[in-house]
Every structure is written in structure tokens, then in C-alpha cells.
Amino acid sequence: MNWNLEIEPKIHRAATLPSEAYSDEALYRRGLEKVFARSWQFLGDEDLVKTPSSVCPVTLLEGSLDEPLVLSRDGGDEVRLLSNVCTHRGMLVAEHAGHVRHLRCRYHGRRFGLDGTCRHMPEFDDVEGFPAQSDHLRCLDFERWGRLLFGSLGAAAPFDEVFGDVRRRLGWLPLHEFTFDPARSRDYVVRCHWALYVDNFLEGFHIPFVHSGLDQVLDYGEYVSELFPWSNLQLGIDAAGGEGEIFDLPADSPDAGRRVAAYYWWIFPNTMLNFYPWGLSVNVVRPLGVDRTRVSFLSYVWRPELVEHGAGAFLDRVEREDEEVVEAVQRGVRSRLYDRGRYSPRREPGVHHFHRLLARELTSELAP
């Protein structure tokens, strides 16, 4: 296929991604392998494998990549991310979370250590060269930030290159004190392409038009975006005279002296780390199809007394307002009369940055 995805580097001259980027089935499937299979993905937190000799199966991007993986914490307290597929005949090795001495395939009895090493296989005494390297469970890229766990099937860039900017900017936050709150977490299924949902997240342009409640809390005139190689920060400043809570920033923060109500941090391609004075909302955008997306809002509460105040008090309402808009846009970009738009240099640098990253990854090694 010959897709014209080129984005002019200078935003004042640039046009957006073409409409086919949000509707072409082949391009969507290419994105799963070229973008998502080569990215860092949020897996959960350390409570999944809290103590030694525990395992927890996880599915990487359920509904699209559907890659079976397993988190394991061995007797030495080391956490790993492994393939959850038996190297004999492809059976899942760990089907339930729990405490185990080893991983054992219930199909033919192959046994693995919690480090993924093949330890035993019945009826294989006469197999030459067994076990070979290919008989061990593959150990995958795995990193953590505080209690948060991230993994990749084969990252296009090292973890620190992708997440380093947010960690350096907000490393003062005590993430080990943030506690997952399932009551404040939920999934939304949105009838739009995943990239269209990200487009909407990456600009504050629509806030005064779509989010009346949020607009009263944030100072639209002071709303700015900062671009980094693999990420984007939108800085939400408390509106003058507003009732919103703000961060108590350390003196050496580059934001010291500003009334910061929210740090909206997007990590390419589909992870949003939204920090509020009450804690963190991790938003994971999971493709389900060319026009279907699941968005998970996962709340990690730090200061529970603040959850009903400030910019982070409107999460469900803001999401529903965003859904209504992006679903209408998804219908619009399918129009025969629409192809590309233009960017607002002041309000849409984050969208332009995302489009350039996405176009670069989609067109890398262009042959399928």
C-alpha cells in the first residue's frame, strides 16, 4: 500500500494526518505491529506479584495484540516479565494468579523455573540438544517506576529515553504511597480510532467549547504544551480565584511559583499519566478495531481528601464529553469530502508532534 502520511515538520505549514489514517483497515493492522508491538505498555502495579514465588498472567493489549505474558516474582524477590506460552506446543503456562514453586504446563507437564528456564519435560530423555535456548520462556523488556510496571515485546527505544522526562520532572512525587482504587477506576468503550482519541487528549483547544466544568478550574490562557522526544506534557494552571487544589511543589521544580493544578503527561503511543494533587489517573488507550477503542481509567490515590476537588474531580464527566465529540469526529473523517486539516500553532503542537511520531513509526521499513 502507498499511504501518504508525511507531516511537514514546521507546524505553521503542516497539514494533519489524512482521513485514511483513521479508517484504513490495513493501516490500522500495520500500526499494531509497527507501533504497539514496539512500545512500552503499562502492565499494572507491584501488587500483582507482591511476594516471592507469586505469578500473575497478563494479556498485552487485550483485543488487539492479545499477547499472553506472565509476571513472576521468584524466591530471590526478582520480578520478571515472561512469555506465557509453553515452548513445547503453545499451551498457556500460567492460567491463574497465585503462589507457585514453578510454572508447569498442564498439557504435557513441561516445567519452568520462575525465571523462565526450562527445568524438566517428561518423555524427552532421547531428545538431542534438549533443552536448547529456544526451550526456555522468553524474558521480555521490563521496567518499573515506583510501584508502576511497564513491559514491551521489543521496545523501539529504551525505557529511560521514553519515560525519563516525566520521571525527572515529577520524581519528587512519592509514587510508593499511591494506592490503586478500583472504585474510582473503570473502562470506557469509545466508537473511534485509537489515534483520534489521542488527538483529542493532546490539545486543550477544545476545553472552553466542550468542558465547561473543567474550563472553570483551569486557566485556558496559561494552558501550555511541552514537547519531548517520546512524550508531551500539558500543564494545567489553576484559574485565578478558582477553588481547585494545586500541587505543593518543591523549590527546585521548574514549575515552582506556578499554581499547577494538573500535569497531563502523554507517553507515545497510548499511555496518559495524569497527575493531580490527589494522585494519579493512568489512562491506557487500547485499540479494539479501526473504529473501536477501549480506554481504561486507573486511579492511584495519594491524598484521598482531595479527590473531589480541583481538575481531577471531573474525570468521568470529562470522559463522557470527550466520547461524544470524538465519536462524531470519527463519523466525520469518513466523509468523502474531508481529507486533511491544519494545526493551530499555539493550541495543537502536541497533536502535530504525535502525528509526526506516528507517521515515522508507521512508515519505518515500509515493506509489510
Protein backbone atom coordinates (compact mmCIF):
# COMPACT_ATOMS: atom_id res chain seq x y z
CA MET A 1 0.00 0.00 0.00
CA ASN A 2 1.14 3.57 -0.70
CA TRP A 3 -0.06 5.76 2.17
CA ASN A 4 0.76 9.46 2.10
CA LEU A 5 1.47 10.03 5.80
CA GLU A 6 4.17 12.67 5.57
CA ILE A 7 3.79 15.53 8.08
CA GLU A 8 5.56 18.84 7.45
CA PRO A 9 7.97 19.50 10.38
CA LYS A 10 7.01 23.19 10.60
CA ILE A 11 3.59 23.36 12.20
CA HIS A 12 2.74 26.71 10.58
CA ARG A 13 2.85 24.99 7.18
CA ALA A 14 1.70 21.49 8.13
CA ALA A 15 -1.48 19.60 7.36
CA THR A 16 -2.78 16.86 9.65
CA LEU A 17 -2.82 13.13 9.06
CA PRO A 18 -5.08 12.18 6.15
CA SER A 19 -8.50 10.79 6.91
CA GLU A 20 -7.43 7.29 5.84
CA ALA A 21 -5.17 7.16 8.90
CA TYR A 22 -8.35 6.79 10.96
CA SER A 23 -10.29 4.47 8.68
CA ASP A 24 -7.96 2.25 6.62
CA GLU A 25 -8.08 -1.34 7.91
CA ALA A 26 -4.65 -2.33 6.56
CA LEU A 27 -3.03 0.76 8.04
CA TYR A 28 -4.67 0.02 11.39
CA ARG A 29 -3.26 -3.54 11.37
CA ARG A 30 0.16 -2.20 10.41
CA GLY A 31 0.02 0.11 13.40
CA LEU A 32 -0.49 -2.79 15.78
CA GLU A 33 2.86 -4.29 14.76
CA LYS A 34 4.88 -1.17 13.92
CA VAL A 35 3.65 0.98 16.79
CA PHE A 36 2.15 -1.04 19.64
CA ALA A 37 4.29 -4.18 19.47
CA ARG A 38 7.38 -1.92 19.67
CA SER A 39 6.17 0.32 22.51
CA TRP A 40 6.24 0.35 26.31
CA GLN A 41 2.90 -0.64 27.81
CA PHE A 42 1.50 -0.24 31.31
CA LEU A 43 1.02 -3.63 32.99
CA GLY A 44 -0.27 -2.70 36.45
CA ASP A 45 1.47 -2.31 39.79
CA GLU A 46 3.59 -4.42 42.11
CA ASP A 47 0.56 -5.76 43.97
CA LEU A 48 0.08 -8.15 41.03
CA VAL A 49 3.13 -10.08 42.25
CA LYS A 50 3.55 -8.73 45.75
CA THR A 51 5.53 -11.50 47.42
CA PRO A 52 8.18 -14.07 46.39
CA SER A 53 7.03 -17.17 44.48
CA SER A 54 4.00 -15.38 43.00
CA VAL A 55 2.85 -15.20 39.39
CA CYS A 56 0.17 -13.25 37.55
CA PRO A 57 -0.82 -13.80 33.90
CA VAL A 58 -1.37 -10.60 31.91
CA THR A 59 -2.51 -10.02 28.33
CA LEU A 60 -0.67 -7.31 26.46
CA LEU A 61 -3.28 -5.08 24.79
CA GLU A 62 -6.24 -7.40 25.02
CA GLY A 63 -8.43 -7.02 21.97
CA SER A 64 -5.60 -6.22 19.56
CA LEU A 65 -2.12 -7.65 20.22
CA ASP A 66 -3.56 -10.24 22.65
CA GLU A 67 -0.08 -11.38 23.66
CA PRO A 68 -0.12 -13.82 26.63
CA LEU A 69 2.52 -12.84 29.20
CA VAL A 70 3.15 -13.64 32.84
CA LEU A 71 4.68 -11.59 35.63
CA SER A 72 6.71 -13.64 38.09
CA ARG A 73 8.50 -12.86 41.34
CA ASP A 74 10.97 -15.59 42.19
CA GLY A 75 12.32 -16.74 45.55
CA GLY A 76 15.07 -14.14 45.32
CA ASP A 77 12.39 -11.39 45.07
CA GLU A 78 13.25 -10.55 41.45
CA VAL A 79 10.33 -9.63 39.18
CA ARG A 80 10.37 -10.67 35.52
CA LEU A 81 8.06 -10.45 32.53
CA LEU A 82 7.95 -13.74 30.62
CA SER A 83 6.15 -15.25 27.69
CA ASN A 84 3.18 -17.24 28.98
CA VAL A 85 3.30 -19.74 26.12
CA CYS A 86 4.79 -23.20 26.62
CA THR A 87 7.70 -23.77 24.26
CA HIS A 88 6.51 -27.33 23.52
CA ARG A 89 3.08 -26.97 21.92
CA GLY A 90 1.94 -23.44 22.74
CA MET A 91 -0.27 -24.08 25.77
CA LEU A 92 -0.62 -21.27 28.31
CA VAL A 93 1.71 -21.95 31.21
CA ALA A 94 0.12 -19.75 33.91
CA GLU A 95 -3.66 -19.61 33.77
CA HIS A 96 -4.28 -18.12 37.22
CA ALA A 97 -2.53 -15.77 39.61
CA GLY A 98 -1.14 -17.25 42.80
CA HIS A 99 1.86 -18.65 44.65
CA VAL A 100 3.78 -21.45 42.96
CA ARG A 101 7.18 -23.12 43.17
CA HIS A 102 7.47 -23.30 39.40
CA LEU A 103 5.47 -22.88 36.19
CA ARG A 104 4.08 -26.16 34.90
CA CYS A 105 2.24 -26.70 31.64
CA ARG A 106 -0.83 -28.83 32.37
CA TYR A 107 -0.94 -30.11 28.77
CA HIS A 108 2.21 -32.29 28.75
CA GLY A 109 3.92 -31.46 32.03
CA ARG A 110 6.81 -29.25 30.88
CA ARG A 111 8.13 -27.35 33.89
CA PHE A 112 9.82 -23.97 34.06
CA GLY A 113 11.50 -22.05 36.85
CA LEU A 114 10.09 -18.64 37.78
CA ASP A 115 12.98 -17.19 35.79
CA GLY A 116 11.62 -18.89 32.65
CA THR A 117 14.27 -21.61 32.48
CA CYS A 118 13.05 -24.99 31.20
CA ARG A 119 13.73 -27.41 34.06
CA HIS A 120 12.01 -30.68 33.14
CA MET A 121 9.99 -32.37 30.40
CA PRO A 122 8.52 -35.90 30.60
CA GLU A 123 9.35 -38.35 27.81
CA PHE A 124 12.16 -36.20 26.39
CA ASP A 125 15.12 -38.31 27.56
CA ASP A 126 16.14 -39.18 23.99
CA VAL A 127 15.77 -35.69 22.50
CA GLU A 128 19.16 -34.41 21.38
CA GLY A 129 20.31 -30.98 22.50
CA PHE A 130 17.44 -30.56 24.92
CA PRO A 131 16.86 -28.12 26.49
CA ALA A 132 18.07 -25.56 23.97
CA GLN A 133 17.76 -21.80 24.37
CA SER A 134 14.50 -21.91 22.43
CA ASP A 135 13.01 -24.22 25.07
CA HIS A 136 13.14 -21.55 27.76
CA LEU A 137 10.37 -18.98 28.17
CA ARG A 138 11.39 -15.72 26.59
CA CYS A 139 12.21 -12.97 29.09
CA LEU A 140 10.85 -9.64 27.85
CA ASP A 141 11.72 -5.97 28.35
CA PHE A 142 10.51 -4.95 31.79
CA GLU A 143 10.87 -1.76 33.84
CA ARG A 144 9.24 -0.07 36.80
CA TRP A 145 8.69 3.44 38.05
CA GLY A 146 7.90 3.35 41.72
CA ARG A 147 5.14 0.73 42.02
CA LEU A 148 4.13 1.03 38.36
CA LEU A 149 5.15 -1.78 36.00
CA PHE A 150 5.80 -1.49 32.26
CA GLY A 151 6.74 -4.03 29.62
CA SER A 152 7.38 -4.39 25.91
CA LEU A 153 7.65 -7.11 23.29
CA GLY A 154 10.65 -5.25 21.85
CA ALA A 155 10.80 -1.53 22.53
CA ALA A 156 11.83 0.88 19.78
CA ALA A 157 13.63 2.98 22.42
CA PRO A 158 14.99 2.35 25.93
CA PHE A 159 12.65 2.95 28.84
CA ASP A 160 14.54 5.93 30.19
CA GLU A 161 14.54 7.57 26.78
CA VAL A 162 10.75 7.28 26.67
CA PHE A 163 9.85 7.87 30.33
CA GLY A 164 12.93 9.77 31.51
CA ASP A 165 11.44 13.24 31.04
CA VAL A 166 8.37 12.58 33.18
CA ARG A 167 10.44 10.83 35.86
CA ARG A 168 12.90 13.72 36.08
CA ARG A 169 10.11 16.33 36.19
CA LEU A 170 7.95 14.54 38.77
CA GLY A 171 10.43 12.29 40.55
CA TRP A 172 9.66 14.10 43.80
CA LEU A 173 6.21 12.53 43.98
CA PRO A 174 6.11 9.53 46.40
CA LEU A 175 4.65 7.00 43.97
CA HIS A 176 5.21 4.21 46.50
CA GLU A 177 2.44 5.85 48.57
CA PHE A 178 -0.08 5.85 45.71
CA THR A 179 -2.73 3.15 46.17
CA PHE A 180 -4.89 1.67 43.42
CA ASP A 181 -8.58 2.46 43.97
CA PRO A 182 -10.81 0.08 41.96
CA ALA A 183 -13.94 2.01 42.95
CA ARG A 184 -12.63 5.05 41.08
CA SER A 185 -11.39 3.07 38.07
CA ARG A 186 -13.36 1.97 35.04
CA ASP A 187 -13.23 1.18 31.34
CA TYR A 188 -14.93 3.04 28.52
CA VAL A 189 -15.54 1.69 25.02
CA VAL A 190 -15.44 4.52 22.51
CA ARG A 191 -16.56 4.28 18.87
CA CYS A 192 -13.47 5.84 17.33
CA HIS A 193 -9.97 5.05 16.09
CA TRP A 194 -7.42 4.98 18.90
CA ALA A 195 -5.32 7.76 17.34
CA LEU A 196 -8.34 10.03 17.15
CA TYR A 197 -8.80 9.61 20.89
CA VAL A 198 -5.13 10.54 21.42
CA ASP A 199 -5.52 13.59 19.15
CA ASN A 200 -8.29 14.85 21.38
CA PHE A 201 -6.26 14.31 24.55
CA LEU A 202 -3.25 16.20 23.22
CA GLU A 203 -4.82 19.62 22.86
CA GLY A 204 -6.53 21.96 25.27
CA PHE A 205 -8.06 23.81 22.32
CA HIS A 206 -11.46 22.23 22.88
CA ILE A 207 -11.67 22.79 26.66
CA PRO A 208 -13.72 26.02 26.60
CA PHE A 209 -16.03 24.57 23.93
CA VAL A 210 -16.57 21.06 25.32
CA HIS A 211 -15.67 21.01 29.04
CA SER A 212 -17.48 23.82 30.83
CA GLY A 213 -16.73 22.39 34.29
CA LEU A 214 -13.04 21.93 33.63
CA ASP A 215 -12.84 25.35 32.00
CA GLN A 216 -13.85 26.96 35.29
CA VAL A 217 -10.95 25.25 37.09
CA LEU A 218 -8.11 25.65 34.57
CA ASP A 219 -6.73 28.93 33.22
CA TYR A 220 -7.12 28.48 29.47
CA GLY A 221 -4.80 31.39 28.73
CA GLU A 222 -1.98 29.71 30.69
CA TYR A 223 -2.56 26.22 29.29
CA VAL A 224 0.65 25.14 27.55
CA SER A 225 2.21 22.07 25.94
CA GLU A 226 5.84 21.00 26.27
CA LEU A 227 7.23 18.53 23.72
CA PHE A 228 9.77 15.79 24.39
CA PRO A 229 11.20 13.10 22.08
CA TRP A 230 8.62 10.43 23.00
CA SER A 231 6.13 12.33 25.14
CA ASN A 232 4.16 15.51 25.68
CA LEU A 233 3.28 17.46 28.82
CA GLN A 234 0.20 19.63 29.07
CA LEU A 235 0.45 21.87 32.11
CA GLY A 236 -2.89 22.77 33.70
CA ILE A 237 -2.74 26.01 35.73
CA ASP A 238 -5.39 26.77 38.33
CA ALA A 239 -7.77 29.52 37.25
CA ALA A 240 -7.45 32.79 39.16
CA GLY A 241 -9.90 32.69 42.03
CA GLY A 242 -10.74 29.06 41.31
CA GLU A 243 -11.49 26.52 44.00
CA GLY A 244 -9.18 23.89 42.56
CA GLU A 245 -6.44 22.28 44.55
CA ILE A 246 -2.83 22.83 43.45
CA PHE A 247 0.46 20.99 43.96
CA ASP A 248 2.81 21.91 46.77
CA LEU A 249 5.86 21.99 44.53
CA PRO A 250 9.45 21.58 45.70
CA ALA A 251 11.65 24.67 45.46
CA ASP A 252 13.84 23.12 42.74
CA SER A 253 10.89 22.25 40.47
CA PRO A 254 10.94 24.12 37.13
CA ASP A 255 7.28 24.87 37.88
CA ALA A 256 7.90 26.39 41.33
CA GLY A 257 5.84 29.51 41.87
CA ARG A 258 3.08 28.43 39.47
CA ARG A 259 -0.38 27.29 40.54
CA VAL A 260 -0.19 23.86 38.90
CA ALA A 261 -3.50 22.01 39.12
CA ALA A 262 -2.63 19.09 36.82
CA TYR A 263 0.20 17.50 34.88
CA TYR A 264 -1.26 15.77 31.83
CA TRP A 265 1.57 13.61 30.52
CA TRP A 266 1.18 11.53 27.36
CA ILE A 267 3.69 8.78 26.52
CA PHE A 268 3.80 7.52 22.92
CA PRO A 269 1.69 5.90 21.71
CA ASN A 270 -1.21 5.29 24.11
CA THR A 271 -0.42 5.96 27.77
CA MET A 272 -1.55 9.02 29.71
CA LEU A 273 -0.21 9.71 33.19
CA ASN A 274 -2.45 12.40 34.64
CA PHE A 275 -1.13 13.71 37.95
CA TYR A 276 -3.39 15.66 40.29
CA PRO A 277 -2.86 16.83 43.88
CA TRP A 278 -4.88 13.77 44.97
CA GLY A 279 -2.79 11.25 43.00
CA LEU A 280 -2.60 9.73 39.53
CA SER A 281 -5.03 8.65 36.86
CA VAL A 282 -3.38 6.23 34.43
CA ASN A 283 -5.28 6.19 31.14
CA VAL A 284 -4.47 3.35 28.75
CA VAL A 285 -5.87 3.57 25.21
CA ARG A 286 -6.33 0.06 23.80
CA PRO A 287 -7.26 -0.43 20.13
CA LEU A 288 -10.12 -2.86 19.52
CA GLY A 289 -10.61 -2.19 15.82
CA VAL A 290 -10.27 0.51 13.23
CA ASP A 291 -13.18 2.38 14.84
CA ARG A 292 -13.35 0.88 18.35
CA THR A 293 -11.19 1.76 21.33
CA ARG A 294 -11.19 0.76 25.00
CA VAL A 295 -9.91 3.39 27.41
CA SER A 296 -9.04 2.33 30.95
CA PHE A 297 -9.05 4.94 33.71
CA LEU A 298 -7.00 3.54 36.60
CA SER A 299 -6.92 5.68 39.74
CA TYR A 300 -4.00 5.65 42.17
CA VAL A 301 -4.92 7.74 45.19
CA TRP A 302 -2.32 9.55 47.27
CA ARG A 303 -4.36 12.13 49.22
CA PRO A 304 -7.96 10.85 49.40
CA GLU A 305 -9.25 14.03 50.99
CA LEU A 306 -8.62 15.87 47.70
CA VAL A 307 -10.26 13.53 45.18
CA GLU A 308 -13.46 15.56 44.93
CA HIS A 309 -11.64 18.83 44.33
CA GLY A 310 -9.82 20.54 41.50
CA ALA A 311 -9.10 19.49 37.93
CA GLY A 312 -9.10 15.80 38.86
CA ALA A 313 -12.64 15.86 40.21
CA PHE A 314 -14.30 15.77 36.76
CA LEU A 315 -12.81 12.60 35.28
CA ASP A 316 -15.99 10.73 34.40
CA ARG A 317 -17.80 13.83 33.16
CA VAL A 318 -14.84 14.94 31.03
CA GLU A 319 -14.55 11.44 29.56
CA ARG A 320 -18.22 11.35 28.57
CA GLU A 321 -17.94 14.77 26.99
CA ASP A 322 -14.85 13.67 25.07
CA GLU A 323 -16.55 10.47 23.92
CA GLU A 324 -19.45 12.38 22.41
CA VAL A 325 -17.07 14.61 20.44
CA VAL A 326 -14.60 12.01 19.17
CA GLU A 327 -17.36 9.63 18.09
CA ALA A 328 -18.84 12.43 15.99
CA VAL A 329 -15.39 13.19 14.55
CA GLN A 330 -14.93 9.51 13.65
CA ARG A 331 -18.06 9.73 11.54
CA GLY A 332 -16.82 12.98 10.03
CA VAL A 333 -13.37 11.76 8.95
CA ARG A 334 -15.05 9.05 6.89
CA SER A 335 -16.62 11.73 4.74
CA ARG A 336 -15.71 11.72 1.06
CA LEU A 337 -15.44 15.49 1.36
CA TYR A 338 -12.73 15.54 4.06
CA ASP A 339 -9.06 14.68 3.81
CA ARG A 340 -6.67 16.78 5.93
CA GLY A 341 -6.99 19.76 8.27
CA ARG A 342 -4.50 22.31 9.60
CA TYR A 343 -2.99 22.84 13.06
CA SER A 344 -3.29 25.76 15.44
CA PRO A 345 0.40 26.52 16.16
CA ARG A 346 -0.49 27.75 19.64
CA ARG A 347 -3.01 25.14 20.68
CA GLU A 348 -2.13 21.98 18.74
CA PRO A 349 1.65 21.46 18.89
CA GLY A 350 1.05 18.21 20.80
CA VAL A 351 -1.16 16.82 18.03
CA HIS A 352 1.41 17.80 15.40
CA HIS A 353 4.16 16.12 17.44
CA PHE A 354 2.09 12.93 17.80
CA HIS A 355 1.29 12.83 14.10
CA ARG A 356 4.97 13.12 13.21
CA LEU A 357 5.92 10.30 15.61
CA LEU A 358 3.08 8.09 14.38
CA ALA A 359 3.86 8.70 10.71
CA ARG A 360 7.54 7.93 11.34
CA GLU A 361 6.82 4.62 13.04
CA LEU A 362 4.15 3.54 10.55
CA THR A 363 6.43 4.15 7.58
CA SER A 364 9.57 2.62 9.08
CA GLU A 365 10.75 -0.31 6.95
CA LEU A 366 7.82 0.42 4.69
CA ALA A 367 7.54 -3.00 3.10
CA PRO A 368 4.96 -5.10 5.04
